[in-house]
Amino acid sequence: MCAVQTGGNRVTILMVREGVQIGTAIKGGRMEDVMRYEVNVSRLENPSGNIRGFVNVVFNGCFKVSNIAVVEGKEENIFVSMPRYATRRGDEDYKDVCNPITKEFREELYGTILDAFDTLEPGEHTKVNIGKDEKKEPIDFNVKVTPFEREGSNIRGLARVYLADAFVINNVSLLEGRNGLFVAMPSYKAKQAGESGKSEYQDICYPVTKAFREKLYGAVTEAYELAKEGQEKQHTSEKSEKNGKAAGKDERWQEAPDGDTPFR
């Protein structure tokens, strides 16, 4: 089932599987009851700095999240760090590119990662599958898009993607290219240049199947178009209301009082 919610300049497209209330399913149990996911953990052989390992997670075999780190804190405690980006406020202010949004799934995912990491020797890697293999249907997701335009920029919209109401991907962009709009997933600048000698960017989280990529990107694009349409209608309505008020003032100014006027 597909439903569309609008509010102000933002439009949300909700993709909901028939007969399943996602929030209820997660709140009372584990994520594996809703969808399966695969956790790949690698422990660095010769770590430098405070990073001890790297992780990627694949949801339902169709959406991958990479650049998750296992980090050692100042008190030698080990914790999970999601991929982050620096905000405009400064290099010390970071926000997660993507992250679990429910306490239940955060504890489940981070616990799975750390348990797997503890079993590894330096240089080893392992894979953990959570959920049943027969859960091969696409991920239930919803998309929120806000139109965004700035002079000199090809960005047309900013989006968030919510997987099963439990995991969010921020910094999804709608860009204007030579052939029209296209969706850009969150990415980072690679340290090494590509074959052309130019800097290359690597996606941090992205669809890994053609079918889910088309479904997700189509939902983002549709949400943007609906949001733009709503924005234009709102501007037209505000303009008409403003013109109506101005016309009303002119009419009241031109009204003549009953009887003779003193300027005849």
Foldseek 3Di string as FASTA:
>chain_A
DWDWDDDALKIKIFFDDPPDDLVVQPVVDHCLSQWKKKKKKAAAQDDDDFFGIWIKMGTLNWKIFTDWTWGQDPVRDTWIDADWDADPVDPVDIDHQKDWDDPRHRCVVRVVRVVQVVVDDHGDMDMDMGHDNVRNDDWGKMKMKGADDDPPAQWGIWMWMATSVTMIGGGWTWGQDPVGTWIDGDWDWDPAPDPVRHIDIDHRMATPDPVVRCVVRVNHVVRSVVSVVVNVVVVVVVVVVVVVVVVVVVVVVPDDDPDDDPPD
